[in-house]
PDB file of N, CA and C in Angstrom:
ATOM      1  N   MET A   1       0.713 -17.573   7.673  1.00  0.00           N
ATOM      2  CA  MET A   1      -0.614 -17.079   7.938  1.00  0.00           C
ATOM      3  C   MET A   1      -1.570 -18.261   7.868  1.00  0.00           C
ATOM      4  N   VAL A   2      -2.289 -18.495   8.937  1.00  0.00           N
ATOM      5  CA  VAL A   2      -3.201 -19.627   9.041  1.00  0.00           C
ATOM      6  C   VAL A   2      -4.457 -19.349   8.207  1.00  0.00           C
ATOM      7  N   GLY A   3      -5.059 -20.416   7.653  1.00  0.00           N
ATOM      8  CA  GLY A   3      -6.189 -20.325   6.739  1.00  0.00           C
ATOM      9  C   GLY A   3      -7.239 -19.276   7.065  1.00  0.00           C
ATOM     10  N   GLY A   4      -7.906 -19.369   8.221  1.00  0.00           N
ATOM     11  CA  GLY A   4      -8.964 -18.433   8.585  1.00  0.00           C
ATOM     12  C   GLY A   4      -8.450 -17.008   8.720  1.00  0.00           C
ATOM     13  N   HIS A   5      -7.268 -16.892   9.270  1.00  0.00           N
ATOM     14  CA  HIS A   5      -6.656 -15.570   9.438  1.00  0.00           C
ATOM     15  C   HIS A   5      -6.362 -14.951   8.072  1.00  0.00           C
ATOM     16  N   ALA A   6      -5.851 -15.732   7.148  1.00  0.00           N
ATOM     17  CA  ALA A   6      -5.556 -15.245   5.788  1.00  0.00           C
ATOM     18  C   ALA A   6      -6.836 -14.825   5.089  1.00  0.00           C
ATOM     19  N   ASP A   7      -7.895 -15.594   5.246  1.00  0.00           N
ATOM     20  CA  ASP A   7      -9.172 -15.242   4.628  1.00  0.00           C
ATOM     21  C   ASP A   7      -9.707 -13.925   5.177  1.00  0.00           C
ATOM     22  N   GLN A   8      -9.586 -13.731   6.493  1.00  0.00           N
ATOM     23  CA  GLN A   8     -10.061 -12.481   7.100  1.00  0.00           C
ATOM     24  C   GLN A   8      -9.228 -11.301   6.617  1.00  0.00           C
ATOM     25  N   ARG A   9      -7.902 -11.460   6.540  1.00  0.00           N
ATOM     26  CA  ARG A   9      -7.034 -10.388   6.034  1.00  0.00           C
ATOM     27  C   ARG A   9      -7.381 -10.040   4.590  1.00  0.00           C
ATOM     28  N   ARG A  10      -7.624 -11.068   3.770  1.00  0.00           N
ATOM     29  CA  ARG A  10      -7.980 -10.841   2.366  1.00  0.00           C
ATOM     30  C   ARG A  10      -9.309 -10.092   2.277  1.00  0.00           C
ATOM     31  N   PHE A  11     -10.290 -10.511   3.058  1.00  0.00           N
ATOM     32  CA  PHE A  11     -11.576  -9.833   3.079  1.00  0.00           C
ATOM     33  C   PHE A  11     -11.415  -8.371   3.490  1.00  0.00           C
ATOM     34  N   ASP A  12     -10.625  -8.123   4.540  1.00  0.00           N
ATOM     35  CA  ASP A  12     -10.385  -6.746   4.992  1.00  0.00           C
ATOM     36  C   ASP A  12      -9.697  -5.921   3.903  1.00  0.00           C
ATOM     37  N   GLY A  13      -8.730  -6.526   3.208  1.00  0.00           N
ATOM     38  CA  GLY A  13      -8.036  -5.836   2.128  1.00  0.00           C
ATOM     39  C   GLY A  13      -8.962  -5.479   0.978  1.00  0.00           C
ATOM     40  N   LEU A  14      -9.807  -6.425   0.595  1.00  0.00           N
ATOM     41  CA  LEU A  14     -10.760  -6.162  -0.487  1.00  0.00           C
ATOM     42  C   LEU A  14     -11.754  -5.076  -0.099  1.00  0.00           C
ATOM     43  N   ARG A  15     -12.163  -5.078   1.145  1.00  0.00           N
ATOM     44  CA  ARG A  15     -13.078  -4.036   1.635  1.00  0.00           C
ATOM     45  C   ARG A  15     -12.409  -2.659   1.580  1.00  0.00           C
ATOM     46  N   LEU A  16     -11.135  -2.598   1.966  1.00  0.00           N
ATOM     47  CA  LEU A  16     -10.417  -1.325   1.905  1.00  0.00           C
ATOM     48  C   LEU A  16     -10.275  -0.845   0.458  1.00  0.00           C
ATOM     49  N   LEU A  17      -9.959  -1.757  -0.465  1.00  0.00           N
ATOM     50  CA  LEU A  17      -9.860  -1.373  -1.875  1.00  0.00           C
ATOM     51  C   LEU A  17     -11.191  -0.810  -2.380  1.00  0.00           C
ATOM     52  N   ARG A  18     -12.286  -1.364  -1.929  1.00  0.00           N
ATOM     53  CA  ARG A  18     -13.598  -0.897  -2.349  1.00  0.00           C
ATOM     54  C   ARG A  18     -13.915   0.476  -1.760  1.00  0.00           C
ATOM     55  N   GLN A  19     -13.474   0.727  -0.533  1.00  0.00           N
ATOM     56  CA  GLN A  19     -13.804   1.974   0.153  1.00  0.00           C
ATOM     57  C   GLN A  19     -12.853   3.124  -0.172  1.00  0.00           C
ATOM     58  N   VAL A  20     -11.627   2.807  -0.595  1.00  0.00           N
ATOM     59  CA  VAL A  20     -10.619   3.841  -0.844  1.00  0.00           C
ATOM     60  C   VAL A  20     -10.076   3.658  -2.265  1.00  0.00           C
ATOM     61  N   PRO A  21     -10.672   4.309  -3.250  1.00  0.00           N
ATOM     62  CA  PRO A  21     -10.268   4.107  -4.640  1.00  0.00           C
ATOM     63  C   PRO A  21      -8.799   4.428  -4.931  1.00  0.00           C
ATOM     64  N   ALA A  22      -8.186   5.310  -4.164  1.00  0.00           N
ATOM     65  CA  ALA A  22      -6.784   5.669  -4.408  1.00  0.00           C
ATOM     66  C   ALA A  22      -5.826   4.521  -4.100  1.00  0.00           C
ATOM     67  N   VAL A  23      -6.223   3.604  -3.236  1.00  0.00           N
ATOM     68  CA  VAL A  23      -5.378   2.449  -2.916  1.00  0.00           C
ATOM     69  C   VAL A  23      -5.604   1.393  -3.992  1.00  0.00           C
ATOM     70  N   THR A  24      -4.546   1.050  -4.716  1.00  0.00           N
ATOM     71  CA  THR A  24      -4.685   0.081  -5.802  1.00  0.00           C
ATOM     72  C   THR A  24      -4.174  -1.303  -5.434  1.00  0.00           C
ATOM     73  N   GLU A  25      -3.329  -1.380  -4.396  1.00  0.00           N
ATOM     74  CA  GLU A  25      -2.782  -2.675  -4.017  1.00  0.00           C
ATOM     75  C   GLU A  25      -2.414  -2.657  -2.541  1.00  0.00           C
ATOM     76  N   LEU A  26      -2.657  -3.774  -1.874  1.00  0.00           N
ATOM     77  CA  LEU A  26      -2.284  -3.952  -0.473  1.00  0.00           C
ATOM     78  C   LEU A  26      -1.513  -5.241  -0.331  1.00  0.00           C
ATOM     79  N   ALA A  27      -0.479  -5.210   0.495  1.00  0.00           N
ATOM     80  CA  ALA A  27       0.287  -6.424   0.773  1.00  0.00           C
ATOM     81  C   ALA A  27       0.514  -6.526   2.271  1.00  0.00           C
ATOM     82  N   GLN A  28       0.568  -7.748   2.757  1.00  0.00           N
ATOM     83  CA  GLN A  28       0.892  -8.009   4.159  1.00  0.00           C
ATOM     84  C   GLN A  28       2.186  -8.800   4.190  1.00  0.00           C
ATOM     85  N   LEU A  29       3.203  -8.220   4.826  1.00  0.00           N
ATOM     86  CA  LEU A  29       4.491  -8.886   4.995  1.00  0.00           C
ATOM     87  C   LEU A  29       4.580  -9.378   6.434  1.00  0.00           C
ATOM     88  N   ASP A  30       5.085 -10.590   6.613  1.00  0.00           N
ATOM     89  CA  ASP A  30       5.210 -11.109   7.975  1.00  0.00           C
ATOM     90  C   ASP A  30       6.422 -10.486   8.671  1.00  0.00           C
ATOM     91  N   ALA A  31       6.669 -10.877   9.912  1.00  0.00           N
ATOM     92  CA  ALA A  31       7.737 -10.276  10.708  1.00  0.00           C
ATOM     93  C   ALA A  31       9.125 -10.499  10.128  1.00  0.00           C
ATOM     94  N   SER A  32       9.281 -11.484   9.242  1.00  0.00           N
ATOM     95  CA  SER A  32      10.582 -11.719   8.603  1.00  0.00           C
ATOM     96  C   SER A  32      10.688 -11.046   7.227  1.00  0.00           C
ATOM     97  N   GLY A  33       9.632 -10.354   6.804  1.00  0.00           N
ATOM     98  CA  GLY A  33       9.666  -9.635   5.530  1.00  0.00           C
ATOM     99  C   GLY A  33       9.150 -10.429   4.341  1.00  0.00           C
ATOM    100  N   LYS A  34       8.545 -11.586   4.593  1.00  0.00           N
ATOM    101  CA  LYS A  34       8.019 -12.409   3.492  1.00  0.00           C
ATOM    102  C   LYS A  34       6.548 -12.069   3.247  1.00  0.00           C
ATOM    103  N   GLU A  35       6.202 -11.933   1.968  1.00  0.00           N
ATOM    104  CA  GLU A  35       4.840 -11.582   1.605  1.00  0.00           C
ATOM    105  C   GLU A  35       3.894 -12.754   1.864  1.00  0.00           C
ATOM    106  N   GLN A  36       2.851 -12.472   2.631  1.00  0.00           N
ATOM    107  CA  GLN A  36       1.851 -13.489   2.951  1.00  0.00           C
ATOM    108  C   GLN A  36       0.553 -13.287   2.178  1.00  0.00           C
ATOM    109  N   LEU A  37       0.298 -12.038   1.775  1.00  0.00           N
ATOM    110  CA  LEU A  37      -0.958 -11.725   1.096  1.00  0.00           C
ATOM    111  C   LEU A  37      -0.776 -10.482   0.239  1.00  0.00           C
ATOM    112  N   ARG A  38      -1.369 -10.504  -0.945  1.00  0.00           N
ATOM    113  CA  ARG A  38      -1.432  -9.303  -1.787  1.00  0.00           C
ATOM    114  C   ARG A  38      -2.792  -9.279  -2.457  1.00  0.00           C
ATOM    115  N   VAL A  39      -3.523  -8.176  -2.292  1.00  0.00           N
ATOM    116  CA  VAL A  39      -4.784  -7.958  -2.994  1.00  0.00           C
ATOM    117  C   VAL A  39      -4.608  -6.717  -3.849  1.00  0.00           C
ATOM    118  N   SER A  40      -5.179  -6.763  -5.069  1.00  0.00           N
ATOM    119  CA  SER A  40      -4.882  -5.708  -6.033  1.00  0.00           C
ATOM    120  C   SER A  40      -6.049  -5.467  -6.972  1.00  0.00           C
ATOM    121  N   ARG A  41      -6.141  -4.227  -7.444  1.00  0.00           N
ATOM    122  CA  ARG A  41      -7.068  -3.891  -8.517  1.00  0.00           C
ATOM    123  C   ARG A  41      -6.456  -4.199  -9.876  1.00  0.00           C
ATOM    124  N   LEU A  42      -5.125  -4.271  -9.941  1.00  0.00           N
ATOM    125  CA  LEU A  42      -4.413  -4.336 -11.209  1.00  0.00           C
ATOM    126  C   LEU A  42      -3.866  -5.711 -11.550  1.00  0.00           C
ATOM    127  N   ALA A  43      -3.870  -6.623 -10.602  1.00  0.00           N
ATOM    128  CA  ALA A  43      -3.295  -7.954 -10.831  1.00  0.00           C
ATOM    129  C   ALA A  43      -4.087  -8.975 -10.015  1.00  0.00           C
ATOM    130  N   MET A  44      -3.752 -10.235 -10.220  1.00  0.00           N
ATOM    131  CA  MET A  44      -4.400 -11.308  -9.463  1.00  0.00           C
ATOM    132  C   MET A  44      -3.989 -11.224  -7.990  1.00  0.00           C
ATOM    133  N   ASP A  45      -4.913 -11.574  -7.100  1.00  0.00           N
ATOM    134  CA  ASP A  45      -4.588 -11.653  -5.674  1.00  0.00           C
ATOM    135  C   ASP A  45      -3.671 -12.857  -5.457  1.00  0.00           C
ATOM    136  N   VAL A  46      -2.787 -12.727  -4.456  1.00  0.00           N
ATOM    137  CA  VAL A  46      -1.830 -13.792  -4.166  1.00  0.00           C
ATOM    138  C   VAL A  46      -1.835 -14.050  -2.659  1.00  0.00           C
ATOM    139  N   ILE A  47      -1.921 -15.308  -2.305  1.00  0.00           N
ATOM    140  CA  ILE A  47      -1.845 -15.704  -0.890  1.00  0.00           C
ATOM    141  C   ILE A  47      -0.636 -16.605  -0.711  1.00  0.00           C
ATOM    142  N   GLY A  48       0.227 -16.241   0.259  1.00  0.00           N
ATOM    143  CA  GLY A  48       1.365 -17.078   0.621  1.00  0.00           C
ATOM    144  C   GLY A  48       2.480 -17.146  -0.405  1.00  0.00           C
ATOM    145  N   SER A  49       2.774 -16.068  -1.101  1.00  0.00           N
ATOM    146  CA  SER A  49       3.838 -16.105  -2.122  1.00  0.00           C
ATOM    147  C   SER A  49       5.221 -16.304  -1.509  1.00  0.00           C
ATOM    148  N   GLN A  50       5.402 -15.843  -0.280  1.00  0.00           N
ATOM    149  CA  GLN A  50       6.685 -15.921   0.422  1.00  0.00           C
ATOM    150  C   GLN A  50       7.787 -15.109  -0.267  1.00  0.00           C
ATOM    151  N   THR A  51       7.423 -14.177  -1.167  1.00  0.00           N
ATOM    152  CA  THR A  51       8.412 -13.297  -1.777  1.00  0.00           C
ATOM    153  C   THR A  51       9.125 -12.545  -0.664  1.00  0.00           C
ATOM    154  N   ASP A  52      10.443 -12.492  -0.729  1.00  0.00           N
ATOM    155  CA  ASP A  52      11.252 -11.921   0.342  1.00  0.00           C
ATOM    156  C   ASP A  52      11.472 -10.425   0.135  1.00  0.00           C
ATOM    157  N   PHE A  53      10.903  -9.616   1.022  1.00  0.00           N
ATOM    158  CA  PHE A  53      11.085  -8.165   1.010  1.00  0.00           C
ATOM    159  C   PHE A  53      11.908  -7.716   2.219  1.00  0.00           C
ATOM    160  N   SER A  54      12.617  -8.641   2.862  1.00  0.00           N
ATOM    161  CA  SER A  54      13.315  -8.332   4.113  1.00  0.00           C
ATOM    162  C   SER A  54      14.401  -7.273   3.958  1.00  0.00           C
ATOM    163  N   ARG A  55      14.902  -7.056   2.751  1.00  0.00           N
ATOM    164  CA  ARG A  55      15.933  -6.023   2.536  1.00  0.00           C
ATOM    165  C   ARG A  55      15.391  -4.815   1.784  1.00  0.00           C
ATOM    166  N   ASP A  56      14.116  -4.826   1.484  1.00  0.00           N
ATOM    167  CA  ASP A  56      13.477  -3.725   0.765  1.00  0.00           C
ATOM    168  C   ASP A  56      13.177  -2.588   1.744  1.00  0.00           C
ATOM    169  N   PRO A  57      13.421  -1.339   1.352  1.00  0.00           N
ATOM    170  CA  PRO A  57      13.151  -0.219   2.264  1.00  0.00           C
ATOM    171  C   PRO A  57      11.718  -0.167   2.781  1.00  0.00           C
ATOM    172  N   LYS A  58      10.753  -0.619   1.981  1.00  0.00           N
ATOM    173  CA  LYS A  58       9.368  -0.569   2.468  1.00  0.00           C
ATOM    174  C   LYS A  58       9.180  -1.474   3.687  1.00  0.00           C
ATOM    175  N   PHE A  59      10.033  -2.476   3.838  1.00  0.00           N
ATOM    176  CA  PHE A  59       9.997  -3.318   5.033  1.00  0.00           C
ATOM    177  C   PHE A  59      10.951  -2.794   6.098  1.00  0.00           C
ATOM    178  N   THR A  60      12.215  -2.606   5.730  1.00  0.00           N
ATOM    179  CA  THR A  60      13.231  -2.238   6.726  1.00  0.00           C
ATOM    180  C   THR A  60      12.939  -0.890   7.385  1.00  0.00           C
ATOM    181  N   GLU A  61      12.540   0.098   6.588  1.00  0.00           N
ATOM    182  CA  GLU A  61      12.264   1.419   7.169  1.00  0.00           C
ATOM    183  C   GLU A  61      10.972   1.427   7.968  1.00  0.00           C
ATOM    184  N   ALA A  62       9.977   0.670   7.513  1.00  0.00           N
ATOM    185  CA  ALA A  62       8.731   0.593   8.287  1.00  0.00           C
ATOM    186  C   ALA A  62       8.989  -0.050   9.645  1.00  0.00           C
ATOM    187  N   VAL A  63       9.816  -1.093   9.681  1.00  0.00           N
ATOM    188  CA  VAL A  63      10.141  -1.743  10.956  1.00  0.00           C
ATOM    189  C   VAL A  63      10.925  -0.783  11.849  1.00  0.00           C
ATOM    190  N   ALA A  64      11.891  -0.084  11.276  1.00  0.00           N
ATOM    191  CA  ALA A  64      12.740   0.811  12.066  1.00  0.00           C
ATOM    192  C   ALA A  64      12.012   2.073  12.528  1.00  0.00           C
ATOM    193  N   LYS A  65      11.188   2.661  11.654  1.00  0.00           N
ATOM    194  CA  LYS A  65      10.559   3.953  11.952  1.00  0.00           C
ATOM    195  C   LYS A  65       9.048   3.867  12.152  1.00  0.00           C
ATOM    196  N   LYS A  66       8.496   2.665  12.023  1.00  0.00           N
ATOM    197  CA  LYS A  66       7.054   2.396  12.147  1.00  0.00           C
ATOM    198  C   LYS A  66       6.252   2.803  10.917  1.00  0.00           C
ATOM    199  N   VAL A  67       6.809   3.641  10.053  1.00  0.00           N
ATOM    200  CA  VAL A  67       6.120   4.055   8.833  1.00  0.00           C
ATOM    201  C   VAL A  67       7.148   4.311   7.734  1.00  0.00           C
ATOM    202  N   TYR A  68       6.747   4.081   6.496  1.00  0.00           N
ATOM    203  CA  TYR A  68       7.629   4.326   5.349  1.00  0.00           C
ATOM    204  C   TYR A  68       6.820   5.029   4.270  1.00  0.00           C
ATOM    205  N   TYR A  69       7.367   6.126   3.763  1.00  0.00           N
ATOM    206  CA  TYR A  69       6.794   6.860   2.641  1.00  0.00           C
ATOM    207  C   TYR A  69       7.772   6.717   1.484  1.00  0.00           C
ATOM    208  N   GLY A  70       7.396   5.982   0.471  1.00  0.00           N
ATOM    209  CA  GLY A  70       8.280   5.780  -0.670  1.00  0.00           C
ATOM    210  C   GLY A  70       8.300   6.981  -1.588  1.00  0.00           C
ATOM    211  N   PRO A  71       9.236   6.986  -2.524  1.00  0.00           N
ATOM    212  CA  PRO A  71       9.293   8.074  -3.492  1.00  0.00           C
ATOM    213  C   PRO A  71       8.116   7.976  -4.470  1.00  0.00           C
ATOM    214  N   VAL A  72       7.765   9.089  -5.076  1.00  0.00           N
ATOM    215  CA  VAL A  72       6.720   9.090  -6.096  1.00  0.00           C
ATOM    216  C   VAL A  72       7.283   8.428  -7.349  1.00  0.00           C
ATOM    217  N   TYR A  73       6.495   7.549  -7.938  1.00  0.00           N
ATOM    218  CA  TYR A  73       6.876   6.912  -9.203  1.00  0.00           C
ATOM    219  C   TYR A  73       5.664   6.945 -10.124  1.00  0.00           C
ATOM    220  N   PHE A  74       5.890   6.671 -11.400  1.00  0.00           N
ATOM    221  CA  PHE A  74       4.807   6.765 -12.377  1.00  0.00           C
ATOM    222  C   PHE A  74       4.493   5.417 -12.993  1.00  0.00           C
ATOM    223  N   ARG A  75       3.203   5.110 -13.067  1.00  0.00           N
ATOM    224  CA  ARG A  75       2.716   3.931 -13.790  1.00  0.00           C
ATOM    225  C   ARG A  75       2.109   4.434 -15.087  1.00  0.00           C
ATOM    226  N   ARG A  76       2.314   3.697 -16.126  1.00  0.00           N
ATOM    227  CA  ARG A  76       1.806   4.067 -17.452  1.00  0.00           C
ATOM    228  C   ARG A  76       2.285   5.451 -17.870  1.00  0.00           C
ATOM    229  N   GLU A  77       3.417   5.849 -17.336  1.00  0.00           N
ATOM    230  CA  GLU A  77       4.081   7.105 -17.662  1.00  0.00           C
ATOM    231  C   GLU A  77       3.231   8.350 -17.422  1.00  0.00           C
ATOM    232  N   SER A  78       2.130   8.213 -16.665  1.00  0.00           N
ATOM    233  CA  SER A  78       1.315   9.399 -16.435  1.00  0.00           C
ATOM    234  C   SER A  78       0.704   9.479 -15.042  1.00  0.00           C
ATOM    235  N   GLU A  79       0.501   8.350 -14.388  1.00  0.00           N
ATOM    236  CA  GLU A  79      -0.176   8.380 -13.101  1.00  0.00           C
ATOM    237  C   GLU A  79       0.822   8.264 -11.947  1.00  0.00           C
ATOM    238  N   PRO A  80       0.855   9.291 -11.068  1.00  0.00           N
ATOM    239  CA  PRO A  80       1.801   9.257  -9.945  1.00  0.00           C
ATOM    240  C   PRO A  80       1.312   8.334  -8.828  1.00  0.00           C
ATOM    241  N   TYR A  81       2.224   7.515  -8.340  1.00  0.00           N
ATOM    242  CA  TYR A  81       1.944   6.578  -7.251  1.00  0.00           C
ATOM    243  C   TYR A  81       2.979   6.747  -6.152  1.00  0.00           C
ATOM    244  N   MET A  82       2.626   6.259  -4.972  1.00  0.00           N
ATOM    245  CA  MET A  82       3.551   6.240  -3.846  1.00  0.00           C
ATOM    246  C   MET A  82       3.289   4.980  -3.037  1.00  0.00           C
ATOM    247  N   THR A  83       4.350   4.405  -2.512  1.00  0.00           N
ATOM    248  CA  THR A  83       4.231   3.263  -1.612  1.00  0.00           C
ATOM    249  C   THR A  83       4.214   3.768  -0.179  1.00  0.00           C
ATOM    250  N   LEU A  84       3.242   3.315   0.594  1.00  0.00           N
ATOM    251  CA  LEU A  84       3.158   3.622   2.018  1.00  0.00           C
ATOM    252  C   LEU A  84       3.196   2.296   2.768  1.00  0.00           C
ATOM    253  N   ALA A  85       3.986   2.231   3.824  1.00  0.00           N
ATOM    254  CA  ALA A  85       4.065   1.012   4.617  1.00  0.00           C
ATOM    255  C   ALA A  85       3.973   1.361   6.094  1.00  0.00           C
ATOM    256  N   LEU A  86       3.307   0.497   6.828  1.00  0.00           N
ATOM    257  CA  LEU A  86       3.080   0.724   8.247  1.00  0.00           C
ATOM    258  C   LEU A  86       3.364  -0.563   9.007  1.00  0.00           C
ATOM    259  N   ALA A  87       4.251  -0.465   9.992  1.00  0.00           N
ATOM    260  CA  ALA A  87       4.576  -1.631  10.822  1.00  0.00           C
ATOM    261  C   ALA A  87       3.465  -1.861  11.825  1.00  0.00           C
ATOM    262  N   GLY A  88       3.176  -3.125  12.075  1.00  0.00           N
ATOM    263  CA  GLY A  88       2.176  -3.470  13.077  1.00  0.00           C
ATOM    264  C   GLY A  88       2.688  -3.180  14.475  1.00  0.00           C
ATOM    265  N   THR A  89       1.794  -3.194  15.440  1.00  0.00           N
ATOM    266  CA  THR A  89       2.187  -2.853  16.807  1.00  0.00           C
ATOM    267  C   THR A  89       2.744  -4.023  17.597  1.00  0.00           C
ATOM    268  N   GLY A  90       2.365  -5.233  17.254  1.00  0.00           N
ATOM    269  CA  GLY A  90       2.888  -6.401  17.967  1.00  0.00           C
ATOM    270  C   GLY A  90       4.268  -6.795  17.477  1.00  0.00           C
ATOM    271  N   ARG A  91       4.986  -7.553  18.275  1.00  0.00           N
ATOM    272  CA  ARG A  91       6.344  -7.967  17.931  1.00  0.00           C
ATOM    273  C   ARG A  91       6.374  -8.764  16.625  1.00  0.00           C
ATOM    274  N   ASP A  92       5.376  -9.600  16.405  1.00  0.00           N
ATOM    275  CA  ASP A  92       5.325 -10.423  15.203  1.00  0.00           C
ATOM    276  C   ASP A  92       4.272  -9.941  14.206  1.00  0.00           C
ATOM    277  N   ALA A  93       3.874  -8.674  14.279  1.00  0.00           N
ATOM    278  CA  ALA A  93       2.768  -8.166  13.458  1.00  0.00           C
ATOM    279  C   ALA A  93       3.132  -7.996  11.988  1.00  0.00           C
ATOM    280  N   GLY A  94       4.383  -7.755  11.665  1.00  0.00           N
ATOM    281  CA  GLY A  94       4.777  -7.550  10.277  1.00  0.00           C
ATOM    282  C   GLY A  94       4.489  -6.149   9.797  1.00  0.00           C
ATOM    283  N   VAL A  95       4.370  -6.006   8.469  1.00  0.00           N
ATOM    284  CA  VAL A  95       4.220  -4.698   7.839  1.00  0.00           C
ATOM    285  C   VAL A  95       3.099  -4.768   6.807  1.00  0.00           C
ATOM    286  N   SER A  96       2.244  -3.762   6.808  1.00  0.00           N
ATOM    287  CA  SER A  96       1.213  -3.611   5.778  1.00  0.00           C
ATOM    288  C   SER A  96       1.711  -2.581   4.766  1.00  0.00           C
ATOM    289  N   VAL A  97       1.577  -2.908   3.477  1.00  0.00           N
ATOM    290  CA  VAL A  97       2.095  -2.059   2.411  1.00  0.00           C
ATOM    291  C   VAL A  97       0.950  -1.700   1.470  1.00  0.00           C
ATOM    292  N   ALA A  98       0.821  -0.413   1.136  1.00  0.00           N
ATOM    293  CA  ALA A  98      -0.215   0.043   0.213  1.00  0.00           C
ATOM    294  C   ALA A  98       0.425   0.814  -0.936  1.00  0.00           C
ATOM    295  N   GLU A  99      -0.066   0.561  -2.138  1.00  0.00           N
ATOM    296  CA  GLU A  99       0.313   1.348  -3.310  1.00  0.00           C
ATOM    297  C   GLU A  99      -0.831   2.323  -3.544  1.00  0.00           C
ATOM    298  N   VAL A 100      -0.519   3.623  -3.550  1.00  0.00           N
ATOM    299  CA  VAL A 100      -1.542   4.664  -3.592  1.00  0.00           C
ATOM    300  C   VAL A 100      -1.415   5.489  -4.861  1.00  0.00           C
ATOM    301  N   ASN A 101      -2.529   5.647  -5.570  1.00  0.00           N
ATOM    302  CA  ASN A 101      -2.586   6.474  -6.767  1.00  0.00           C
ATOM    303  C   ASN A 101      -2.780   7.924  -6.319  1.00  0.00           C
ATOM    304  N   LEU A 102      -1.755   8.743  -6.461  1.00  0.00           N
ATOM    305  CA  LEU A 102      -1.804  10.123  -5.990  1.00  0.00           C
ATOM    306  C   LEU A 102      -2.710  11.002  -6.845  1.00  0.00           C
ATOM    307  N   LYS A 103      -2.924  10.611  -8.088  1.00  0.00           N
ATOM    308  CA  LYS A 103      -3.809  11.388  -8.961  1.00  0.00           C
ATOM    309  C   LYS A 103      -5.215  11.425  -8.376  1.00  0.00           C
ATOM    310  N   LEU A 104      -5.677  10.310  -7.840  1.00  0.00           N
ATOM    311  CA  LEU A 104      -7.011  10.273  -7.250  1.00  0.00           C
ATOM    312  C   LEU A 104      -7.095  11.120  -5.990  1.00  0.00           C
ATOM    313  N   ILE A 105      -6.032  11.173  -5.241  1.00  0.00           N
ATOM    314  CA  ILE A 105      -6.011  12.014  -4.038  1.00  0.00           C
ATOM    315  C   ILE A 105      -6.000  13.480  -4.444  1.00  0.00           C
ATOM    316  N   TRP A 106      -5.217  13.818  -5.447  1.00  0.00           N
ATOM    317  CA  TRP A 106      -5.133  15.195  -5.940  1.00  0.00           C
ATOM    318  C   TRP A 106      -6.512  15.678  -6.380  1.00  0.00           C
ATOM    319  N   GLU A 107      -7.262  14.824  -7.072  1.00  0.00           N
ATOM    320  CA  GLU A 107      -8.561  15.214  -7.612  1.00  0.00           C
ATOM    321  C   GLU A 107      -9.612  15.445  -6.533  1.00  0.00           C
ATOM    322  N   VAL A 108      -9.476  14.841  -5.354  1.00  0.00           N
ATOM    323  CA  VAL A 108     -10.472  15.028  -4.303  1.00  0.00           C
ATOM    324  C   VAL A 108     -10.058  16.063  -3.266  1.00  0.00           C
ATOM    325  N   SER A 109      -8.836  16.518  -3.316  1.00  0.00           N
ATOM    326  CA  SER A 109      -8.351  17.481  -2.332  1.00  0.00           C
ATOM    327  C   SER A 109      -8.852  18.885  -2.666  1.00  0.00           C
ATOM    328  N   PRO A 110      -9.611  19.534  -1.761  1.00  0.00           N
ATOM    329  CA  PRO A 110     -10.108  20.894  -2.044  1.00  0.00           C
ATOM    330  C   PRO A 110      -8.965  21.883  -2.277  1.00  0.00           C
ATOM    331  N   ARG A 111      -7.893  21.732  -1.545  1.00  0.00           N
ATOM    332  CA  ARG A 111      -6.765  22.643  -1.701  1.00  0.00           C
ATOM    333  C   ARG A 111      -6.140  22.495  -3.093  1.00  0.00           C
ATOM    334  N   SER A 112      -6.008  21.257  -3.585  1.00  0.00           N
ATOM    335  CA  SER A 112      -5.403  21.044  -4.894  1.00  0.00           C
ATOM    336  C   SER A 112      -6.287  21.605  -5.997  1.00  0.00           C
ATOM    337  N   ARG A 113      -7.615  21.513  -5.830  1.00  0.00           N
ATOM    338  CA  ARG A 113      -8.517  22.068  -6.845  1.00  0.00           C
ATOM    339  C   ARG A 113      -8.408  23.574  -6.885  1.00  0.00           C
ATOM    340  N   SER A 114      -8.366  24.220  -5.721  1.00  0.00           N
ATOM    341  CA  SER A 114      -8.263  25.681  -5.717  1.00  0.00           C
ATOM    342  C   SER A 114      -6.907  26.125  -6.228  1.00  0.00           C
ATOM    343  N   ALA A 115      -5.860  25.348  -5.944  1.00  0.00           N
ATOM    344  CA  ALA A 115      -4.526  25.694  -6.444  1.00  0.00           C
ATOM    345  C   ALA A 115      -4.485  25.624  -7.962  1.00  0.00           C
ATOM    346  N   SER A 116      -5.166  24.634  -8.534  1.00  0.00           N
ATOM    347  CA  SER A 116      -5.154  24.530  -9.987  1.00  0.00           C
ATOM    348  C   SER A 116      -5.976  25.624 -10.625  1.00  0.00           C
ATOM    349  N   VAL A 117      -7.028  26.121  -9.934  1.00  0.00           N
ATOM    350  CA  VAL A 117      -7.832  27.205 -10.470  1.00  0.00           C
ATOM    351  C   VAL A 117      -7.077  28.523 -10.360  1.00  0.00           C
ATOM    352  N   ASP A 118      -6.331  28.720  -9.263  1.00  0.00           N
ATOM    353  CA  ASP A 118      -5.613  29.969  -9.035  1.00  0.00           C
ATOM    354  C   ASP A 118      -4.323  30.063  -9.828  1.00  0.00           C
ATOM    355  N   ARG A 119      -3.876  28.982 -10.398  1.00  0.00           N
ATOM    356  CA  ARG A 119      -2.607  28.954 -11.107  1.00  0.00           C
ATOM    357  C   ARG A 119      -2.698  29.786 -12.390  1.00  0.00           C
ATOM    358  N   PRO A 120      -1.756  30.718 -12.611  1.00  0.00           N
ATOM    359  CA  PRO A 120      -1.779  31.509 -13.848  1.00  0.00           C
ATOM    360  C   PRO A 120      -1.486  30.652 -15.064  1.00  0.00           C
ATOM    361  N   MET A 121      -2.056  30.995 -16.170  1.00  0.00           N
ATOM    362  CA  MET A 121      -1.847  30.249 -17.412  1.00  0.00           C
ATOM    363  C   MET A 121      -0.621  30.715 -18.139  1.00  0.00           C
TER     364      MET A 121
END
């Protein structure tokens, strides 16, 4: 990822984190599955780590199916999260990966609020 391009991607990632509280981390993987950028609410941002995700389902399935929905997992033993990954449209576009806090989505969903109110005790 070239300097100016990396800066623009980082800026876009930070803007998305600010606008969508449920997204806690974003990563950009290149076409070979190597991490080029990670912006996070929970850790330091990283540019050009080159961590290899080429065999990770969030990369392989996103490339094969254009989208990947990971299993629900828990952070701090209480908050449900899910990994979502989306393959870019160009041949060398790579994959964008987001870690999403499902608790925040549950709290804003009108259907989930009514379901919790209608639930018998």
